[in-house]
PDB file of N, CA and C in Angstrom:
ATOM      1  N   UNK A   1      29.543  -2.453  25.966  1.00  0.00           N
ATOM      2  CA  UNK A   1      30.270  -2.089  24.546  1.00  0.00           C
ATOM      3  C   UNK A   1      29.129  -2.197  23.545  1.00  0.00           C
ATOM      4  N   UNK A   2      29.002  -1.280  22.929  1.00  0.00           N
ATOM      5  CA  UNK A   2      28.147  -1.477  21.629  1.00  0.00           C
ATOM      6  C   UNK A   2      28.762  -2.235  20.321  1.00  0.00           C
ATOM      7  N   UNK A   3      27.605  -2.532  19.389  1.00  0.00           N
ATOM      8  CA  UNK A   3      28.362  -3.078  18.304  1.00  0.00           C
ATOM      9  C   UNK A   3      28.395  -2.214  17.137  1.00  0.00           C
ATOM     10  N   UNK A   4      28.032  -0.873  17.284  1.00  0.00           N
ATOM     11  CA  UNK A   4      27.680   0.005  16.144  1.00  0.00           C
ATOM     12  C   UNK A   4      28.869   0.433  15.389  1.00  0.00           C
ATOM     13  N   UNK A   5      30.197   0.429  16.191  1.00  0.00           N
ATOM     14  CA  UNK A   5      31.303   0.446  15.109  1.00  0.00           C
ATOM     15  C   UNK A   5      31.592   2.236  15.460  1.00  0.00           C
ATOM     16  N   UNK A   6      32.600   2.843  15.170  1.00  0.00           N
ATOM     17  CA  UNK A   6      32.975   4.069  14.940  1.00  0.00           C
ATOM     18  C   UNK A   6      32.403   4.907  13.743  1.00  0.00           C
ATOM     19  N   UNK A   7      32.806   6.239  13.942  1.00  0.00           N
ATOM     20  CA  UNK A   7      32.367   6.932  12.899  1.00  0.00           C
ATOM     21  C   UNK A   7      33.197   6.678  11.535  1.00  0.00           C
ATOM     22  N   UNK A   8      34.533   6.285  11.710  1.00  0.00           N
ATOM     23  CA  UNK A   8      35.405   6.458  10.313  1.00  0.00           C
ATOM     24  C   UNK A   8      34.918   4.818   9.814  1.00  0.00           C
ATOM     25  N   UNK A   9      34.476   4.028  10.325  1.00  0.00           N
ATOM     26  CA  UNK A   9      34.396   2.737   9.772  1.00  0.00           C
ATOM     27  C   UNK A   9      33.012   2.603   8.531  1.00  0.00           C
ATOM     28  N   UNK A  10      33.478   2.181   7.443  1.00  0.00           N
ATOM     29  CA  UNK A  10      32.269   2.453   6.286  1.00  0.00           C
ATOM     30  C   UNK A  10      31.738   1.443   6.924  1.00  0.00           C
ATOM     31  N   UNK A  11      30.156   1.490   5.761  1.00  0.00           N
ATOM     32  CA  UNK A  11      29.280   0.385   6.245  1.00  0.00           C
ATOM     33  C   UNK A  11      28.420   0.231   4.998  1.00  0.00           C
ATOM     34  N   UNK A  12      28.010  -0.821   4.617  1.00  0.00           N
ATOM     35  CA  UNK A  12      27.343  -1.323   3.209  1.00  0.00           C
ATOM     36  C   UNK A  12      25.843  -1.180   3.351  1.00  0.00           C
ATOM     37  N   UNK A  13      25.252  -0.802   2.468  1.00  0.00           N
ATOM     38  CA  UNK A  13      23.831  -0.610   2.504  1.00  0.00           C
ATOM     39  C   UNK A  13      23.394  -0.137   1.175  1.00  0.00           C
ATOM     40  N   UNK A  14      21.916  -0.027   0.942  1.00  0.00           N
ATOM     41  CA  UNK A  14      21.388   0.268  -0.273  1.00  0.00           C
ATOM     42  C   UNK A  14      21.075   1.627  -0.423  1.00  0.00           C
ATOM     43  N   UNK A  15      21.673   2.274  -1.310  1.00  0.00           N
ATOM     44  CA  UNK A  15      21.251   3.938  -1.408  1.00  0.00           C
ATOM     45  C   UNK A  15      19.808   4.008  -1.516  1.00  0.00           C
ATOM     46  N   UNK A  16      19.146   5.012  -0.622  1.00  0.00           N
ATOM     47  CA  UNK A  16      18.008   4.841  -0.389  1.00  0.00           C
ATOM     48  C   UNK A  16      17.056   5.589  -1.686  1.00  0.00           C
ATOM     49  N   UNK A  17      18.080   6.383  -2.460  1.00  0.00           N
ATOM     50  CA  UNK A  17      17.590   7.320  -3.687  1.00  0.00           C
ATOM     51  C   UNK A  17      17.480   6.467  -4.792  1.00  0.00           C
ATOM     52  N   UNK A  18      18.674   5.640  -5.405  1.00  0.00           N
ATOM     53  CA  UNK A  18      18.850   4.758  -6.277  1.00  0.00           C
ATOM     54  C   UNK A  18      19.018   3.075  -6.378  1.00  0.00           C
ATOM     55  N   UNK A  19      19.123   3.117  -5.065  1.00  0.00           N
ATOM     56  CA  UNK A  19      19.055   1.255  -4.688  1.00  0.00           C
ATOM     57  C   UNK A  19      20.338   0.623  -5.062  1.00  0.00           C
ATOM     58  N   UNK A  20      21.355   1.250  -5.680  1.00  0.00           N
ATOM     59  CA  UNK A  20      22.626   0.572  -6.022  1.00  0.00           C
ATOM     60  C   UNK A  20      23.073   0.407  -4.682  1.00  0.00           C
ATOM     61  N   UNK A  21      23.707  -1.032  -4.331  1.00  0.00           N
ATOM     62  CA  UNK A  21      24.437  -1.236  -3.372  1.00  0.00           C
ATOM     63  C   UNK A  21      25.718  -0.630  -3.003  1.00  0.00           C
ATOM     64  N   UNK A  22      26.056   0.686  -1.710  1.00  0.00           N
ATOM     65  CA  UNK A  22      27.145   1.230  -1.600  1.00  0.00           C
ATOM     66  C   UNK A  22      27.800   0.521  -0.059  1.00  0.00           C
ATOM     67  N   UNK A  23      29.000   1.534  -0.673  1.00  0.00           N
ATOM     68  CA  UNK A  23      29.857   1.465   0.802  1.00  0.00           C
ATOM     69  C   UNK A  23      29.929   2.855   1.560  1.00  0.00           C
ATOM     70  N   UNK A  24      29.329   3.379   2.545  1.00  0.00           N
ATOM     71  CA  UNK A  24      29.904   4.618   3.025  1.00  0.00           C
ATOM     72  C   UNK A  24      29.894   4.982   4.445  1.00  0.00           C
ATOM     73  N   UNK A  25      30.564   5.867   5.202  1.00  0.00           N
ATOM     74  CA  UNK A  25      30.370   5.952   5.882  1.00  0.00           C
ATOM     75  C   UNK A  25      29.301   6.401   6.978  1.00  0.00           C
ATOM     76  N   UNK A  26      28.224   6.988   6.155  1.00  0.00           N
ATOM     77  CA  UNK A  26      27.124   7.632   7.021  1.00  0.00           C
ATOM     78  C   UNK A  26      25.880   6.951   5.900  1.00  0.00           C
ATOM     79  N   UNK A  27      24.777   6.794   6.305  1.00  0.00           N
ATOM     80  CA  UNK A  27      23.502   6.434   5.733  1.00  0.00           C
ATOM     81  C   UNK A  27      23.119   7.754   4.914  1.00  0.00           C
ATOM     82  N   UNK A  28      22.651   7.149   3.501  1.00  0.00           N
ATOM     83  CA  UNK A  28      21.877   8.614   2.990  1.00  0.00           C
ATOM     84  C   UNK A  28      22.197   8.525   1.570  1.00  0.00           C
ATOM     85  N   UNK A  29      22.035   9.256   0.647  1.00  0.00           N
ATOM     86  CA  UNK A  29      22.246   8.873  -0.995  1.00  0.00           C
ATOM     87  C   UNK A  29      23.856   8.691  -1.067  1.00  0.00           C
ATOM     88  N   UNK A  30      24.151   8.062  -2.173  1.00  0.00           N
ATOM     89  CA  UNK A  30      25.381   7.783  -2.530  1.00  0.00           C
ATOM     90  C   UNK A  30      26.309   9.067  -3.472  1.00  0.00           C
ATOM     91  N   UNK A  31      27.448   8.957  -3.128  1.00  0.00           N
ATOM     92  CA  UNK A  31      28.353   9.782  -3.795  1.00  0.00           C
ATOM     93  C   UNK A  31      27.584  10.386  -5.416  1.00  0.00           C
ATOM     94  N   UNK A  32      27.083   9.348  -6.287  1.00  0.00           N
ATOM     95  CA  UNK A  32      26.773  10.200  -7.198  1.00  0.00           C
ATOM     96  C   UNK A  32      25.370  10.797  -7.141  1.00  0.00           C
ATOM     97  N   UNK A  33      24.426   9.930  -6.314  1.00  0.00           N
ATOM     98  CA  UNK A  33      23.466  10.712  -6.128  1.00  0.00           C
ATOM     99  C   UNK A  33      23.586  12.411  -5.469  1.00  0.00           C
ATOM    100  N   UNK A  34      24.597  12.170  -4.471  1.00  0.00           N
ATOM    101  CA  UNK A  34      24.973  13.236  -3.915  1.00  0.00           C
ATOM    102  C   UNK A  34      25.239  14.343  -4.940  1.00  0.00           C
ATOM    103  N   UNK A  35      25.701  13.909  -5.957  1.00  0.00           N
ATOM    104  CA  UNK A  35      26.498  14.693  -6.852  1.00  0.00           C
ATOM    105  C   UNK A  35      25.445  15.296  -7.609  1.00  0.00           C
ATOM    106  N   UNK A  36      24.348  14.292  -8.339  1.00  0.00           N
ATOM    107  CA  UNK A  36      23.358  15.006  -9.170  1.00  0.00           C
ATOM    108  C   UNK A  36      22.382  15.817  -8.584  1.00  0.00           C
ATOM    109  N   UNK A  37      22.355  15.892  -6.979  1.00  0.00           N
ATOM    110  CA  UNK A  37      21.531  16.446  -6.404  1.00  0.00           C
ATOM    111  C   UNK A  37      22.065  17.844  -6.195  1.00  0.00           C
ATOM    112  N   UNK A  38      23.156  17.910  -5.986  1.00  0.00           N
ATOM    113  CA  UNK A  38      23.879  19.384  -5.614  1.00  0.00           C
ATOM    114  C   UNK A  38      23.826  20.075  -6.947  1.00  0.00           C
ATOM    115  N   UNK A  39      23.884  19.533  -8.261  1.00  0.00           N
ATOM    116  CA  UNK A  39      23.576  20.231  -9.647  1.00  0.00           C
ATOM    117  C   UNK A  39      22.214  20.487  -9.892  1.00  0.00           C
ATOM    118  N   UNK A  40      21.259  19.803  -9.638  1.00  0.00           N
ATOM    119  CA  UNK A  40      19.949  19.925  -9.986  1.00  0.00           C
ATOM    120  C   UNK A  40      19.121  20.819  -8.958  1.00  0.00           C
ATOM    121  N   UNK A  41      19.606  20.426  -7.445  1.00  0.00           N
ATOM    122  CA  UNK A  41      18.982  21.394  -6.609  1.00  0.00           C
ATOM    123  C   UNK A  41      19.503  22.452  -6.089  1.00  0.00           C
ATOM    124  N   UNK A  42      20.495  23.345  -7.025  1.00  0.00           N
ATOM    125  CA  UNK A  42      21.005  24.622  -6.573  1.00  0.00           C
ATOM    126  C   UNK A  42      19.687  25.635  -6.186  1.00  0.00           C
ATOM    127  N   UNK A  43      20.191  26.268  -5.543  1.00  0.00           N
ATOM    128  CA  UNK A  43      19.573  27.555  -5.082  1.00  0.00           C
ATOM    129  C   UNK A  43      20.012  29.014  -5.475  1.00  0.00           C
ATOM    130  N   UNK A  44      19.389  30.082  -5.313  1.00  0.00           N
ATOM    131  CA  UNK A  44      19.961  31.218  -5.797  1.00  0.00           C
ATOM    132  C   UNK A  44      19.712  32.021  -4.417  1.00  0.00           C
ATOM    133  N   UNK A  45      20.456  32.804  -3.271  1.00  0.00           N
ATOM    134  CA  UNK A  45      20.247  33.393  -2.139  1.00  0.00           C
ATOM    135  C   UNK A  45      19.557  34.188  -2.543  1.00  0.00           C
ATOM    136  N   UNK A  46      18.510  35.106  -1.724  1.00  0.00           N
ATOM    137  CA  UNK A  46      18.154  36.437  -1.961  1.00  0.00           C
ATOM    138  C   UNK A  46      17.852  37.113  -0.345  1.00  0.00           C
ATOM    139  N   UNK A  47      17.970  38.290  -0.445  1.00  0.00           N
ATOM    140  CA  UNK A  47      17.393  38.741   0.980  1.00  0.00           C
ATOM    141  C   UNK A  47      16.076  38.774   1.144  1.00  0.00           C
ATOM    142  N   UNK A  48      15.805  38.797   2.344  1.00  0.00           N
ATOM    143  CA  UNK A  48      14.623  38.977   2.562  1.00  0.00           C
ATOM    144  C   UNK A  48      14.306  39.930   3.666  1.00  0.00           C
ATOM    145  N   UNK A  49      12.958  40.557   3.389  1.00  0.00           N
ATOM    146  CA  UNK A  49      12.759  41.968   4.187  1.00  0.00           C
ATOM    147  C   UNK A  49      11.421  41.655   5.016  1.00  0.00           C
ATOM    148  N   UNK A  50      11.278  41.938   6.011  1.00  0.00           N
ATOM    149  CA  UNK A  50       9.959  42.107   7.427  1.00  0.00           C
ATOM    150  C   UNK A  50       9.434  43.189   7.150  1.00  0.00           C
ATOM    151  N   UNK A  51       8.273  43.147   7.080  1.00  0.00           N
ATOM    152  CA  UNK A  51       7.534  44.247   7.277  1.00  0.00           C
ATOM    153  C   UNK A  51       7.398  44.224   8.847  1.00  0.00           C
ATOM    154  N   UNK A  52       7.302  45.695   8.875  1.00  0.00           N
ATOM    155  CA  UNK A  52       7.056  46.215  10.411  1.00  0.00           C
ATOM    156  C   UNK A  52       5.653  46.053  10.930  1.00  0.00           C
ATOM    157  N   UNK A  53       5.818  45.246  12.144  1.00  0.00           N
ATOM    158  CA  UNK A  53       4.472  44.689  12.889  1.00  0.00           C
ATOM    159  C   UNK A  53       3.530  45.780  13.246  1.00  0.00           C
ATOM    160  N   UNK A  54       2.482  45.825  12.930  1.00  0.00           N
ATOM    161  CA  UNK A  54       1.175  46.535  13.239  1.00  0.00           C
ATOM    162  C   UNK A  54       0.094  45.946  13.675  1.00  0.00           C
ATOM    163  N   UNK A  55      -0.259  45.821  15.153  1.00  0.00           N
ATOM    164  CA  UNK A  55      -1.758  45.627  15.489  1.00  0.00           C
ATOM    165  C   UNK A  55      -2.706  45.586  14.842  1.00  0.00           C
ATOM    166  N   UNK A  56      -3.689  44.595  15.062  1.00  0.00           N
ATOM    167  CA  UNK A  56      -4.775  44.494  14.404  1.00  0.00           C
ATOM    168  C   UNK A  56      -5.808  45.869  14.712  1.00  0.00           C
ATOM    169  N   UNK A  57      -6.450  45.999  13.968  1.00  0.00           N
ATOM    170  CA  UNK A  57      -7.591  47.164  14.858  1.00  0.00           C
ATOM    171  C   UNK A  57      -8.395  46.585  15.531  1.00  0.00           C
ATOM    172  N   UNK A  58      -8.700  45.208  15.464  1.00  0.00           N
ATOM    173  CA  UNK A  58     -10.184  44.888  16.194  1.00  0.00           C
ATOM    174  C   UNK A  58      -9.576  44.608  17.874  1.00  0.00           C
ATOM    175  N   UNK A  59      -8.183  44.945  17.859  1.00  0.00           N
ATOM    176  CA  UNK A  59      -7.700  44.553  19.214  1.00  0.00           C
ATOM    177  C   UNK A  59      -7.519  45.935  20.053  1.00  0.00           C
ATOM    178  N   UNK A  60      -8.187  45.464  21.232  1.00  0.00           N
ATOM    179  CA  UNK A  60      -8.419  47.016  22.273  1.00  0.00           C
ATOM    180  C   UNK A  60      -7.709  46.561  23.539  1.00  0.00           C
ATOM    181  N   UNK A  61      -7.288  47.789  23.843  1.00  0.00           N
ATOM    182  CA  UNK A  61      -6.391  47.665  25.323  1.00  0.00           C
ATOM    183  C   UNK A  61      -7.560  47.046  26.601  1.00  0.00           C
ATOM    184  N   UNK A  62      -6.673  46.419  27.615  1.00  0.00           N
ATOM    185  CA  UNK A  62      -7.727  46.098  28.573  1.00  0.00           C
ATOM    186  C   UNK A  62      -7.914  47.432  29.285  1.00  0.00           C
ATOM    187  N   UNK A  63      -9.071  47.121  30.441  1.00  0.00           N
ATOM    188  CA  UNK A  63      -9.282  48.325  30.842  1.00  0.00           C
ATOM    189  C   UNK A  63      -8.452  48.597  32.316  1.00  0.00           C
ATOM    190  N   UNK A  64      -7.378  47.985  32.807  1.00  0.00           N
ATOM    191  CA  UNK A  64      -6.359  47.932  33.325  1.00  0.00           C
ATOM    192  C   UNK A  64      -5.304  49.163  32.611  1.00  0.00           C
ATOM    193  N   UNK A  65      -4.875  48.957  31.594  1.00  0.00           N
ATOM    194  CA  UNK A  65      -3.761  49.587  31.209  1.00  0.00           C
ATOM    195  C   UNK A  65      -4.692  51.128  30.658  1.00  0.00           C
ATOM    196  N   UNK A  66      -6.029  51.197  30.488  1.00  0.00           N
ATOM    197  CA  UNK A  66      -6.440  52.671  30.445  1.00  0.00           C
ATOM    198  C   UNK A  66      -6.805  53.461  31.476  1.00  0.00           C
ATOM    199  N   UNK A  67      -6.851  52.810  32.564  1.00  0.00           N
ATOM    200  CA  UNK A  67      -7.737  53.492  34.342  1.00  0.00           C
ATOM    201  C   UNK A  67      -6.559  54.449  34.343  1.00  0.00           C
ATOM    202  N   UNK A  68      -7.270  55.788  34.798  1.00  0.00           N
ATOM    203  CA  UNK A  68      -6.418  56.913  35.218  1.00  0.00           C
ATOM    204  C   UNK A  68      -6.413  56.917  36.923  1.00  0.00           C
ATOM    205  N   UNK A  69      -5.484  56.929  37.555  1.00  0.00           N
ATOM    206  CA  UNK A  69      -4.724  57.049  38.702  1.00  0.00           C
ATOM    207  C   UNK A  69      -5.545  58.396  39.309  1.00  0.00           C
TER     208      UNK A  69
END
């Protein structure tokens, strides 16, 4: 049996962002830091368009493809 515990158990650790001692289920920023990050790092979604692929002009077809039977 491992001594890691279950996912439902909270474990004490220092917040990697602010250094305060917290007890959380998962390692990472504390609840205060997560809330601050959500408000300051919010982004706006935008549509991305991709251009059609066009092969470079310096590429030449191989001899087998050009060979006439």
